[in-house]
C-alpha atoms as a PDB file:
ATOM      1  CA  MET A   1    -145.755  94.247 -66.459  1.00  0.00           C
ATOM      2  CA  ALA A   2    -146.341  95.827 -62.349  1.00  0.00           C
ATOM      3  CA  ARG A   3    -147.029  92.524 -61.312  1.00  0.00           C
ATOM      4  CA  GLY A   4    -143.684  90.631 -63.196  1.00  0.00           C
ATOM      5  CA  LEU A   5    -141.188  93.669 -61.737  1.00  0.00           C
ATOM      6  CA  THR A   6    -142.770  93.170 -58.426  1.00  0.00           C
ATOM      7  CA  SER A   7    -141.998  88.980 -58.321  1.00  0.00           C
ATOM      8  CA  ARG A   8    -138.851  90.251 -59.649  1.00  0.00           C
ATOM      9  CA  PHE A   9    -137.964  92.392 -56.311  1.00  0.00           C
ATOM     10  CA  VAL A  10    -139.305  89.722 -54.266  1.00  0.00           C
ATOM     11  CA  LEU A  11    -136.517  87.325 -55.822  1.00  0.00           C
ATOM     12  CA  VAL A  12    -134.106  89.908 -55.482  1.00  0.00           C
ATOM     13  CA  ALA A  13    -134.593  90.284 -52.342  1.00  0.00           C
ATOM     14  CA  MET A  14    -134.999  86.597 -51.181  1.00  0.00           C
ATOM     15  CA  ILE A  15    -131.175  85.989 -53.069  1.00  0.00           C
ATOM     16  CA  LEU A  16    -129.223  89.499 -51.753  1.00  0.00           C
ATOM     17  CA  PRO A  17    -128.868  88.071 -47.978  1.00  0.00           C
ATOM     18  CA  LEU A  18    -127.366  85.076 -49.030  1.00  0.00           C
ATOM     19  CA  CYS A  19    -125.515  86.701 -51.655  1.00  0.00           C
ATOM     20  CA  LEU A  20    -124.235  89.052 -48.395  1.00  0.00           C
ATOM     21  CA  THR A  21    -123.071  86.376 -45.839  1.00  0.00           C
ATOM     22  CA  VAL A  22    -121.933  83.601 -48.545  1.00  0.00           C
ATOM     23  CA  LEU A  23    -118.169  85.030 -47.868  1.00  0.00           C
ATOM     24  CA  PRO A  24    -116.543  86.927 -45.388  1.00  0.00           C
ATOM     25  CA  ARG A  25    -115.848  90.762 -46.287  1.00  0.00           C
ATOM     26  CA  PRO A  26    -114.579  92.363 -48.630  1.00  0.00           C
ATOM     27  CA  TRP A  27    -115.688  89.823 -51.157  1.00  0.00           C
ATOM     28  CA  ASN A  28    -118.812  90.153 -53.284  1.00  0.00           C
ATOM     29  CA  ALA A  29    -120.417  86.873 -53.234  1.00  0.00           C
ATOM     30  CA  CYS A  30    -123.145  88.408 -56.367  1.00  0.00           C
ATOM     31  CA  GLY A  31    -120.214  89.029 -58.767  1.00  0.00           C
ATOM     32  CA  ALA A  32    -117.102  90.576 -57.810  1.00  0.00           C
ATOM     33  CA  ALA A  33    -114.952  91.660 -60.510  1.00  0.00           C
ATOM     34  CA  GLY A  34    -111.676  90.458 -58.812  1.00  0.00           C
ATOM     35  CA  LYS A  35    -109.985  86.894 -58.226  1.00  0.00           C
ATOM     36  CA  LYS A  36    -110.395  86.555 -54.392  1.00  0.00           C
ATOM     37  CA  VAL A  37    -107.449  85.153 -52.865  1.00  0.00           C
ATOM     38  CA  ILE A  38    -107.467  83.942 -48.943  1.00  0.00           C
ATOM     39  CA  PHE A  39    -105.182  84.465 -46.530  1.00  0.00           C
ATOM     40  CA  ILE A  40    -105.046  81.615 -43.817  1.00  0.00           C
ATOM     41  CA  PRO A  41    -102.572  82.179 -40.932  1.00  0.00           C
ATOM     42  CA  GLY A  42    -101.940  79.947 -37.931  1.00  0.00           C
ATOM     43  CA  ARG A  43    -101.905  81.050 -34.372  1.00  0.00           C
ATOM     44  CA  GLN A  44     -99.334  83.672 -33.410  1.00  0.00           C
ATOM     45  CA  SER A  45     -96.045  82.405 -31.476  1.00  0.00           C
ATOM     46  CA  HIS A  46     -92.737  83.450 -30.488  1.00  0.00           C
ATOM     47  CA  GLY A  47     -93.056  86.718 -28.820  1.00  0.00           C
ATOM     48  CA  TRP A  48     -94.786  89.978 -29.637  1.00  0.00           C
ATOM     49  CA  SER A  49     -93.400  89.865 -33.419  1.00  0.00           C
ATOM     50  CA  GLY A  50     -92.066  86.633 -34.232  1.00  0.00           C
ATOM     51  CA  HIS A  51     -94.050  83.785 -36.176  1.00  0.00           C
ATOM     52  CA  ALA A  52     -96.992  86.447 -36.481  1.00  0.00           C
ATOM     53  CA  TYR A  53     -98.828  85.278 -39.374  1.00  0.00           C
ATOM     54  CA  THR A  54    -101.858  86.945 -38.923  1.00  0.00           C
ATOM     55  CA  ALA A  55     -99.772  90.250 -38.933  1.00  0.00           C
ATOM     56  CA  ASP A  56     -98.319  89.164 -41.684  1.00  0.00           C
ATOM     57  CA  CYS A  57    -101.496  88.246 -43.659  1.00  0.00           C
ATOM     58  CA  LYS A  58    -103.668  91.392 -42.775  1.00  0.00           C
ATOM     59  CA  LEU A  59    -100.863  94.031 -44.199  1.00  0.00           C
ATOM     60  CA  LEU A  60    -100.362  91.951 -47.312  1.00  0.00           C
ATOM     61  CA  ALA A  61    -103.802  91.356 -47.760  1.00  0.00           C
ATOM     62  CA  ARG A  62    -104.596  95.076 -47.306  1.00  0.00           C
ATOM     63  CA  ILE A  63    -101.759  96.350 -49.637  1.00  0.00           C
ATOM     64  CA  LEU A  64    -103.312  94.050 -52.114  1.00  0.00           C
ATOM     65  CA  ASN A  65    -106.656  95.387 -51.901  1.00  0.00           C
ATOM     66  CA  GLU A  66    -105.836  98.892 -51.946  1.00  0.00           C
ATOM     67  CA  ASN A  67    -103.699  98.381 -54.459  1.00  0.00           C
ATOM     68  CA  VAL A  68    -104.423  96.015 -57.366  1.00  0.00           C
ATOM     69  CA  THR A  69    -108.020  95.921 -58.491  1.00  0.00           C
ATOM     70  CA  GLY A  70    -108.105  92.348 -59.751  1.00  0.00           C
ATOM     71  CA  ILE A  71    -107.645  90.721 -56.533  1.00  0.00           C
ATOM     72  CA  GLU A  72    -110.213  90.887 -53.585  1.00  0.00           C
ATOM     73  CA  ALA A  73    -108.189  89.427 -50.224  1.00  0.00           C
ATOM     74  CA  ALA A  74    -109.570  88.368 -47.212  1.00  0.00           C
ATOM     75  CA  VAL A  75    -108.049  86.960 -43.765  1.00  0.00           C
ATOM     76  CA  ILE A  76    -109.751  83.909 -42.283  1.00  0.00           C
ATOM     77  CA  GLU A  77    -108.533  83.523 -39.153  1.00  0.00           C
ATOM     78  CA  GLY A  78    -109.224  81.348 -35.860  1.00  0.00           C
ATOM     79  CA  GLY A  79    -107.694  78.530 -37.125  1.00  0.00           C
ATOM     80  CA  TRP A  80    -108.647  75.669 -40.392  1.00  0.00           C
ATOM     81  CA  PRO A  81    -112.647  76.604 -41.313  1.00  0.00           C
ATOM     82  CA  LYS A  82    -115.016  73.716 -40.550  1.00  0.00           C
ATOM     83  CA  ASP A  83    -116.655  74.246 -43.891  1.00  0.00           C
ATOM     84  CA  THR A  84    -114.016  74.740 -46.494  1.00  0.00           C
ATOM     85  CA  SER A  85    -117.087  75.987 -48.798  1.00  0.00           C
ATOM     86  CA  VAL A  86    -115.918  78.725 -48.252  1.00  0.00           C
ATOM     87  CA  LEU A  87    -112.327  78.437 -50.119  1.00  0.00           C
ATOM     88  CA  ASP A  88    -113.923  77.439 -53.181  1.00  0.00           C
ATOM     89  CA  GLY A  89    -113.758  79.310 -56.092  1.00  0.00           C
ATOM     90  CA  ALA A  90    -110.750  81.323 -54.560  1.00  0.00           C
ATOM     91  CA  ALA A  91    -107.983  82.209 -56.978  1.00  0.00           C
ATOM     92  CA  ALA A  92    -105.200  81.862 -54.632  1.00  0.00           C
ATOM     93  CA  ILE A  93    -104.753  80.573 -50.512  1.00  0.00           C
ATOM     94  CA  VAL A  94    -101.891  81.526 -49.061  1.00  0.00           C
ATOM     95  CA  ILE A  95    -101.082  79.606 -45.408  1.00  0.00           C
ATOM     96  CA  GLY A  96     -98.534  80.714 -42.932  1.00  0.00           C
ATOM     97  CA  CYS A  97     -98.228  78.732 -39.331  1.00  0.00           C
ATOM     98  CA  ASP A  98     -96.238  76.476 -37.371  1.00  0.00           C
ATOM     99  CA  GLY A  99     -95.750  73.544 -39.290  1.00  0.00           C
ATOM    100  CA  ASN A 100     -99.054  71.677 -39.557  1.00  0.00           C
ATOM    101  CA  SER A 101    -100.579  72.924 -36.949  1.00  0.00           C
ATOM    102  CA  LEU A 102    -103.002  74.850 -39.039  1.00  0.00           C
ATOM    103  CA  ILE A 103    -104.563  72.308 -41.363  1.00  0.00           C
ATOM    104  CA  GLY A 104    -103.970  69.208 -39.002  1.00  0.00           C
ATOM    105  CA  SER A 105    -105.333  66.025 -40.144  1.00  0.00           C
ATOM    106  CA  GLU A 106    -105.155  63.939 -43.189  1.00  0.00           C
ATOM    107  CA  SER A 107    -109.014  65.029 -44.532  1.00  0.00           C
ATOM    108  CA  ASN A 108    -107.836  68.563 -44.526  1.00  0.00           C
ATOM    109  CA  TRP A 109    -104.943  67.980 -46.756  1.00  0.00           C
ATOM    110  CA  LYS A 110    -107.048  65.964 -49.159  1.00  0.00           C
ATOM    111  CA  ALA A 111    -109.823  68.848 -49.069  1.00  0.00           C
ATOM    112  CA  LEU A 112    -106.997  71.616 -49.883  1.00  0.00           C
ATOM    113  CA  ASP A 113    -105.750  68.864 -52.787  1.00  0.00           C
ATOM    114  CA  ALA A 114    -109.422  68.777 -54.397  1.00  0.00           C
ATOM    115  CA  ILE A 115    -109.207  72.485 -54.342  1.00  0.00           C
ATOM    116  CA  ALA A 116    -105.597  72.817 -55.604  1.00  0.00           C
ATOM    117  CA  SER A 117    -106.709  70.202 -58.664  1.00  0.00           C
ATOM    118  CA  LYS A 118    -109.005  72.931 -59.942  1.00  0.00           C
ATOM    119  CA  GLY A 119    -106.412  75.514 -60.698  1.00  0.00           C
ATOM    120  CA  THR A 120    -106.383  77.240 -57.464  1.00  0.00           C
ATOM    121  CA  GLY A 121    -102.454  79.183 -56.579  1.00  0.00           C
ATOM    122  CA  LEU A 122    -101.162  78.252 -53.157  1.00  0.00           C
ATOM    123  CA  ALA A 123     -98.432  79.855 -51.406  1.00  0.00           C
ATOM    124  CA  PHE A 124     -96.837  78.913 -47.838  1.00  0.00           C
ATOM    125  CA  LEU A 125     -94.494  81.012 -45.884  1.00  0.00           C
ATOM    126  CA  HIS A 126     -92.200  80.603 -43.363  1.00  0.00           C
ATOM    127  CA  TYR A 127     -92.520  77.371 -40.817  1.00  0.00           C
ATOM    128  CA  SER A 128     -95.632  75.954 -43.045  1.00  0.00           C
ATOM    129  CA  LEU A 129     -93.399  74.693 -45.307  1.00  0.00           C
ATOM    130  CA  ASP A 130     -92.123  72.367 -42.763  1.00  0.00           C
ATOM    131  CA  PRO A 131     -95.316  70.032 -42.519  1.00  0.00           C
ATOM    132  CA  GLY A 132     -93.781  66.701 -41.338  1.00  0.00           C
ATOM    133  CA  LYS A 133     -92.911  63.848 -43.356  1.00  0.00           C
ATOM    134  CA  ARG A 134     -96.213  62.707 -43.666  1.00  0.00           C
ATOM    135  CA  TYR A 135     -97.445  65.754 -45.693  1.00  0.00           C
ATOM    136  CA  GLY A 136     -94.271  66.787 -47.400  1.00  0.00           C
ATOM    137  CA  LYS A 137     -95.165  64.985 -50.615  1.00  0.00           C
ATOM    138  CA  TYR A 138     -98.557  67.512 -51.227  1.00  0.00           C
ATOM    139  CA  LEU A 139     -96.339  70.356 -50.894  1.00  0.00           C
ATOM    140  CA  LEU A 140     -94.239  69.085 -53.432  1.00  0.00           C
ATOM    141  CA  ASP A 141     -97.124  68.700 -55.559  1.00  0.00           C
ATOM    142  CA  TRP A 142     -98.803  72.070 -54.847  1.00  0.00           C
ATOM    143  CA  ILE A 143     -95.795  74.110 -54.884  1.00  0.00           C
ATOM    144  CA  GLY A 144     -92.876  72.353 -55.938  1.00  0.00           C
ATOM    145  CA  GLY A 145     -91.162  72.014 -52.543  1.00  0.00           C
ATOM    146  CA  TYR A 146     -91.087  71.660 -49.040  1.00  0.00           C
ATOM    147  CA  TYR A 147     -89.138  71.920 -45.719  1.00  0.00           C
ATOM    148  CA  GLU A 148     -87.541  67.911 -44.608  1.00  0.00           C
ATOM    149  CA  GLN A 149     -86.625  67.327 -41.253  1.00  0.00           C
ATOM    150  CA  HIS A 150     -82.996  66.207 -41.542  1.00  0.00           C
ATOM    151  CA  TRP A 151     -82.293  67.276 -44.659  1.00  0.00           C
ATOM    152  CA  SER A 152     -82.947  71.215 -44.789  1.00  0.00           C
ATOM    153  CA  VAL A 153     -82.176  73.792 -42.138  1.00  0.00           C
ATOM    154  CA  ASN A 154     -83.281  76.211 -39.950  1.00  0.00           C
ATOM    155  CA  PRO A 155     -80.560  79.244 -39.537  1.00  0.00           C
ATOM    156  CA  SER A 156     -80.788  82.970 -38.561  1.00  0.00           C
ATOM    157  CA  TRP A 157     -78.600  84.836 -41.195  1.00  0.00           C
ATOM    158  CA  ARG A 158     -78.691  88.147 -42.920  1.00  0.00           C
ATOM    159  CA  ALA A 159     -79.056  87.200 -46.337  1.00  0.00           C
ATOM    160  CA  GLU A 160     -77.896  89.162 -49.014  1.00  0.00           C
ATOM    161  CA  PHE A 161     -79.805  88.526 -52.237  1.00  0.00           C
ATOM    162  CA  ARG A 162     -77.738  90.628 -55.220  1.00  0.00           C
ATOM    163  CA  SER A 163     -79.451  89.164 -58.091  1.00  0.00           C
ATOM    164  CA  LEU A 164     -83.127  88.280 -59.107  1.00  0.00           C
ATOM    165  CA  PRO A 165     -84.058  86.441 -62.209  1.00  0.00           C
ATOM    166  CA  ASN A 166     -86.365  87.570 -64.644  1.00  0.00           C
ATOM    167  CA  HIS A 167     -89.592  86.418 -63.356  1.00  0.00           C
ATOM    168  CA  SER A 168     -93.112  88.284 -62.939  1.00  0.00           C
ATOM    169  CA  ILE A 169     -92.458  87.871 -59.330  1.00  0.00           C
ATOM    170  CA  THR A 170     -89.289  90.109 -59.353  1.00  0.00           C
ATOM    171  CA  ARG A 171     -90.522  92.677 -61.556  1.00  0.00           C
ATOM    172  CA  GLY A 172     -89.823  96.150 -59.838  1.00  0.00           C
ATOM    173  CA  VAL A 173     -87.922  94.472 -56.962  1.00  0.00           C
ATOM    174  CA  ARG A 174     -83.863  95.488 -56.478  1.00  0.00           C
ATOM    175  CA  PRO A 175     -81.504  93.416 -54.797  1.00  0.00           C
ATOM    176  CA  PHE A 176     -81.528  93.642 -51.279  1.00  0.00           C
ATOM    177  CA  ALA A 177     -80.596  92.725 -48.141  1.00  0.00           C
ATOM    178  CA  ALA A 178     -82.317  90.837 -44.880  1.00  0.00           C
ATOM    179  CA  HIS A 179     -82.063  89.168 -41.639  1.00  0.00           C
ATOM    180  CA  ASP A 180     -84.295  86.811 -41.183  1.00  0.00           C
ATOM    181  CA  GLU A 181     -84.451  82.707 -40.318  1.00  0.00           C
ATOM    182  CA  TRP A 182     -84.205  81.418 -44.098  1.00  0.00           C
ATOM    183  CA  TYR A 183     -84.565  77.960 -43.786  1.00  0.00           C
ATOM    184  CA  TYR A 184     -82.744  76.409 -46.837  1.00  0.00           C
ATOM    185  CA  HIS A 185     -81.384  73.154 -48.248  1.00  0.00           C
ATOM    186  CA  MET A 186     -85.346  72.573 -49.466  1.00  0.00           C
ATOM    187  CA  ARG A 187     -86.740  69.024 -50.459  1.00  0.00           C
ATOM    188  CA  PHE A 188     -87.522  70.323 -54.283  1.00  0.00           C
ATOM    189  CA  ARG A 189     -88.919  68.475 -57.122  1.00  0.00           C
ATOM    190  CA  ASP A 190     -86.449  65.748 -58.658  1.00  0.00           C
ATOM    191  CA  GLN A 191     -84.631  68.764 -61.065  1.00  0.00           C
ATOM    192  CA  MET A 192     -85.974  71.201 -60.188  1.00  0.00           C
ATOM    193  CA  LYS A 193     -89.095  70.378 -62.537  1.00  0.00           C
ATOM    194  CA  GLY A 194     -90.963  73.353 -62.893  1.00  0.00           C
ATOM    195  CA  VAL A 195     -89.010  74.653 -60.073  1.00  0.00           C
ATOM    196  CA  THR A 196     -87.892  78.324 -60.492  1.00  0.00           C
ATOM    197  CA  PRO A 197     -85.322  79.587 -57.854  1.00  0.00           C
ATOM    198  CA  ILE A 198     -86.398  83.268 -56.977  1.00  0.00           C
ATOM    199  CA  LEU A 199     -84.670  84.168 -54.160  1.00  0.00           C
ATOM    200  CA  THR A 200     -81.375  82.562 -53.683  1.00  0.00           C
ATOM    201  CA  ALA A 201     -78.264  83.686 -51.040  1.00  0.00           C
ATOM    202  CA  VAL A 202     -75.276  82.243 -49.933  1.00  0.00           C
ATOM    203  CA  PRO A 203     -75.428  81.591 -46.781  1.00  0.00           C
ATOM    204  CA  PRO A 204     -72.408  82.248 -43.905  1.00  0.00           C
ATOM    205  CA  ASP A 205     -70.618  78.895 -43.392  1.00  0.00           C
ATOM    206  CA  SER A 206     -71.355  79.101 -39.739  1.00  0.00           C
ATOM    207  CA  THR A 207     -75.235  78.043 -40.286  1.00  0.00           C
ATOM    208  CA  ARG A 208     -73.505  74.616 -41.468  1.00  0.00           C
ATOM    209  CA  LYS A 209     -71.527  74.143 -39.032  1.00  0.00           C
ATOM    210  CA  ARG A 210     -74.432  73.943 -36.132  1.00  0.00           C
ATOM    211  CA  PRO A 211     -74.513  70.186 -34.357  1.00  0.00           C
ATOM    212  CA  ASP A 212     -76.663  67.506 -36.186  1.00  0.00           C
ATOM    213  CA  GLY A 213     -80.237  67.564 -35.911  1.00  0.00           C
ATOM    214  CA  PRO A 214     -84.185  67.946 -37.772  1.00  0.00           C
ATOM    215  CA  HIS A 215     -83.703  71.356 -38.296  1.00  0.00           C
ATOM    216  CA  SER A 216     -80.113  72.451 -37.147  1.00  0.00           C
ATOM    217  CA  ASN A 217     -77.378  70.651 -39.138  1.00  0.00           C
ATOM    218  CA  ASN A 218     -76.802  67.791 -41.361  1.00  0.00           C
ATOM    219  CA  PRO A 219     -73.723  66.074 -43.381  1.00  0.00           C
ATOM    220  CA  THR A 220     -75.379  66.793 -46.650  1.00  0.00           C
ATOM    221  CA  VAL A 221     -75.490  70.609 -45.577  1.00  0.00           C
ATOM    222  CA  ARG A 222     -72.175  70.336 -44.118  1.00  0.00           C
ATOM    223  CA  ALA A 223     -70.935  69.297 -47.405  1.00  0.00           C
ATOM    224  CA  ARG A 224     -71.968  72.827 -48.985  1.00  0.00           C
ATOM    225  CA  MET A 225     -70.075  75.305 -47.683  1.00  0.00           C
ATOM    226  CA  GLY A 226     -69.916  78.132 -49.613  1.00  0.00           C
ATOM    227  CA  MET A 227     -73.101  77.231 -51.996  1.00  0.00           C
ATOM    228  CA  PRO A 228     -75.869  79.381 -53.110  1.00  0.00           C
ATOM    229  CA  GLU A 229     -78.984  78.201 -51.753  1.00  0.00           C
ATOM    230  CA  HIS A 230     -82.751  78.796 -52.777  1.00  0.00           C
ATOM    231  CA  VAL A 231     -85.456  80.225 -49.971  1.00  0.00           C
ATOM    232  CA  ALA A 232     -88.127  81.566 -52.224  1.00  0.00           C
ATOM    233  CA  TRP A 233     -89.223  79.923 -55.679  1.00  0.00           C
ATOM    234  CA  ALA A 234     -91.749  79.290 -57.756  1.00  0.00           C
ATOM    235  CA  TYR A 235     -93.645  76.438 -59.479  1.00  0.00           C
ATOM    236  CA  GLU A 236     -95.661  75.914 -62.789  1.00  0.00           C
ATOM    237  CA  ARG A 237     -97.811  72.451 -61.967  1.00  0.00           C
ATOM    238  CA  PRO A 238     -97.959  70.468 -65.086  1.00  0.00           C
ATOM    239  CA  ASP A 239    -101.861  70.910 -65.313  1.00  0.00           C
ATOM    240  CA  GLY A 240    -100.688  74.825 -65.359  1.00  0.00           C
ATOM    241  CA  SER A 241    -101.621  76.527 -62.367  1.00  0.00           C
ATOM    242  CA  ARG A 242     -98.878  77.821 -60.082  1.00  0.00           C
ATOM    243  CA  GLY A 243     -97.370  77.414 -56.362  1.00  0.00           C
ATOM    244  CA  PHE A 244     -94.991  79.583 -54.319  1.00  0.00           C
ATOM    245  CA  GLY A 245     -92.772  79.131 -51.042  1.00  0.00           C
ATOM    246  CA  CYS A 246     -90.939  81.746 -49.345  1.00  0.00           C
ATOM    247  CA  THR A 247     -88.827  79.997 -46.478  1.00  0.00           C
ATOM    248  CA  GLY A 248     -88.331  83.785 -44.426  1.00  0.00           C
ATOM    249  CA  GLY A 249     -90.827  85.608 -42.289  1.00  0.00           C
ATOM    250  CA  HIS A 250     -90.206  84.479 -38.931  1.00  0.00           C
ATOM    251  CA  THR A 251     -90.042  87.992 -37.760  1.00  0.00           C
ATOM    252  CA  HIS A 252     -92.722  90.165 -38.479  1.00  0.00           C
ATOM    253  CA  TRP A 253     -90.466  93.308 -39.537  1.00  0.00           C
ATOM    254  CA  VAL A 254     -88.885  91.623 -42.569  1.00  0.00           C
ATOM    255  CA  TYR A 255     -92.119  92.799 -44.150  1.00  0.00           C
ATOM    256  CA  ALA A 256     -91.626  96.119 -43.565  1.00  0.00           C
ATOM    257  CA  GLN A 257     -88.485  95.930 -46.006  1.00  0.00           C
ATOM    258  CA  ASN A 258     -89.483  97.280 -49.255  1.00  0.00           C
ATOM    259  CA  ASP A 259     -88.176  94.434 -51.774  1.00  0.00           C
ATOM    260  CA  PHE A 260     -89.102  91.970 -49.894  1.00  0.00           C
ATOM    261  CA  ARG A 261     -92.974  93.268 -49.317  1.00  0.00           C
ATOM    262  CA  LYS A 262     -93.202  94.021 -53.060  1.00  0.00           C
ATOM    263  CA  LEU A 263     -92.070  90.399 -54.190  1.00  0.00           C
ATOM    264  CA  MET A 264     -94.438  88.836 -51.480  1.00  0.00           C
ATOM    265  CA  LEU A 265     -97.073  90.868 -53.032  1.00  0.00           C
ATOM    266  CA  ASN A 266     -95.937  90.169 -56.634  1.00  0.00           C
ATOM    267  CA  ALA A 267     -96.008  86.447 -55.775  1.00  0.00           C
ATOM    268  CA  ILE A 268     -99.403  85.609 -54.483  1.00  0.00           C
ATOM    269  CA  CYS A 269    -100.733  88.060 -57.765  1.00  0.00           C
ATOM    270  CA  TRP A 270     -98.714  85.446 -59.877  1.00  0.00           C
ATOM    271  CA  ILE A 271    -100.063  82.062 -58.855  1.00  0.00           C
ATOM    272  CA  ALA A 272    -103.317  83.835 -58.252  1.00  0.00           C
ATOM    273  CA  LYS A 273    -103.088  84.493 -62.093  1.00  0.00           C
ATOM    274  CA  VAL A 274    -103.058  88.065 -62.138  1.00  0.00           C
ATOM    275  CA  ASP A 275    -101.272  90.260 -64.186  1.00  0.00           C
ATOM    276  CA  VAL A 276     -98.323  91.458 -62.275  1.00  0.00           C
ATOM    277  CA  PRO A 277     -97.619  95.176 -63.002  1.00  0.00           C
ATOM    278  CA  ALA A 278     -94.282  96.186 -64.695  1.00  0.00           C
ATOM    279  CA  GLU A 279     -92.785  97.741 -61.294  1.00  0.00           C
ATOM    280  CA  GLY A 280     -94.618  95.407 -59.309  1.00  0.00           C
ATOM    281  CA  VAL A 281     -97.562  95.954 -57.397  1.00  0.00           C
ATOM    282  CA  PRO A 282     -96.939  99.516 -55.603  1.00  0.00           C
ATOM    283  CA  THR A 283     -96.181  98.998 -51.799  1.00  0.00           C
ATOM    284  CA  ARG A 284     -95.239 102.495 -49.967  1.00  0.00           C
ATOM    285  CA  THR A 285     -92.345 101.994 -46.683  1.00  0.00           C
ATOM    286  CA  PRO A 286     -95.341 101.639 -44.191  1.00  0.00           C
ATOM    287  CA  THR A 287     -95.629 103.100 -41.258  1.00  0.00           C
ATOM    288  CA  ALA A 288     -94.106 102.104 -37.469  1.00  0.00           C
ATOM    289  CA  VAL A 289     -98.266 102.087 -36.509  1.00  0.00           C
ATOM    290  CA  GLU A 290     -99.334 100.036 -39.686  1.00  0.00           C
ATOM    291  CA  MET A 291     -96.620  97.479 -38.653  1.00  0.00           C
ATOM    292  CA  GLU A 292     -97.429  97.165 -34.636  1.00  0.00           C
ATOM    293  CA  ALA A 293    -101.225  96.711 -35.836  1.00  0.00           C
ATOM    294  CA  ASN A 294    -102.843  93.124 -35.185  1.00  0.00           C
ATOM    295  CA  LEU A 295     -99.127  92.165 -33.219  1.00  0.00           C
ATOM    296  CA  GLU A 296    -100.841  89.770 -30.763  1.00  0.00           C
ATOM    297  CA  GLY A 297     -99.428  89.124 -27.203  1.00  0.00           C
ATOM    298  CA  ASP A 298     -97.625  91.449 -24.774  1.00  0.00           C
ATOM    299  CA  ARG A 299     -95.252  93.881 -26.129  1.00  0.00           C
ATOM    300  CA  PRO A 300     -91.896  94.297 -24.560  1.00  0.00           C
ATOM    301  CA  GLY A 301     -91.566  97.118 -22.190  1.00  0.00           C
ATOM    302  CA  ASN A 302     -88.405  98.101 -23.423  1.00  0.00           C
ATOM    303  CA  TRP A 303     -90.248  98.208 -26.825  1.00  0.00           C
ATOM    304  CA  THR A 304     -90.936 101.560 -28.713  1.00  0.00           C
ATOM    305  CA  ILE A 305     -92.549 103.203 -31.693  1.00  0.00           C
ATOM    306  CA  GLU A 306     -89.488 104.559 -32.422  1.00  0.00           C
ATOM    307  CA  ARG A 307     -87.552 101.494 -32.061  1.00  0.00           C
ATOM    308  CA  THR A 308     -89.882 100.339 -34.286  1.00  0.00           C
ATOM    309  CA  LYS A 309     -89.629 103.347 -36.840  1.00  0.00           C
ATOM    310  CA  ARG A 310     -85.578 102.520 -36.471  1.00  0.00           C
ATOM    311  CA  VAL A 311     -86.011  99.021 -37.382  1.00  0.00           C
ATOM    312  CA  ILE A 312     -88.041 100.190 -40.886  1.00  0.00           C
ATOM    313  CA  GLU A 313     -85.576 102.701 -41.573  1.00  0.00           C
ATOM    314  CA  ASP A 314     -82.117 100.234 -41.240  1.00  0.00           C
ATOM    315  CA  LEU A 315     -84.415  97.694 -43.486  1.00  0.00           C
ATOM    316  CA  ASN A 316     -84.423 100.039 -46.240  1.00  0.00           C
ATOM    317  CA  PRO A 317     -81.438 102.107 -46.460  1.00  0.00           C
ATOM    318  CA  VAL A 318     -81.014 104.825 -48.994  1.00  0.00           C
ATOM    319  CA  LYS A 319     -79.005 103.658 -52.296  1.00  0.00           C
END
């Protein structure tokens, strides 16, 4: 009996280090109860608080880990992983980056396609929805829509989301408004098959009057004066797996808006097939210190912590 126990201890001693190093923290590779949600941010651009994908992802991952027992979230930094086995077994992958600056080569797109084909949920945020014409086909299959140059547009405007659909992603989310760079007139699957609009608003006519260009305007957009546009959506693939797209998130500060942030957290749970609580994922208003954490680059000389506090307050007016 003692000899058998000794053998078992030796076996455990050999396996345990492997289990602890296969995946980055906070995952427990030796049988964690939570589903893996992997965030992959691209590098920050647009100054101190614009396109701050790492800060965005770390904020969302922390809240999920603190409030959703069915999820274990982690952020992979440093670009597209050279060894994509780190993505194996993920229930969901969330990507935020500038265009195709993160995924890169066709071989990486195909690798992600193989992962999606196994049922992994995918979410693409803001500029990552514009992968270039060559790779739009992947986003159509994975999340039901994408940004197509010379068809979609990228103005900054105050979107008022006055009503929300009845969907797991909108649980506990109240109508809200926020100023951001909300892309719209996205290229969706034919007849919106499998696509459910989540955030819809009517852009001001001024956003349709810009000169024509790959991002600014085009005749089709100009002809839609006064019409509603979808800026976030859910997609159920034919195999039952899920995708999500949101065009907002140019500025990191929009994540301080309580209802927008809850909606994003709900969406990540939904694509991972984790039950969304009846009132949505709990998420208190972040502090100014929490919002400024992980921002990169030089802080503007005139930007104080008090200004960040005011931004948070302005985004969450007392109702």
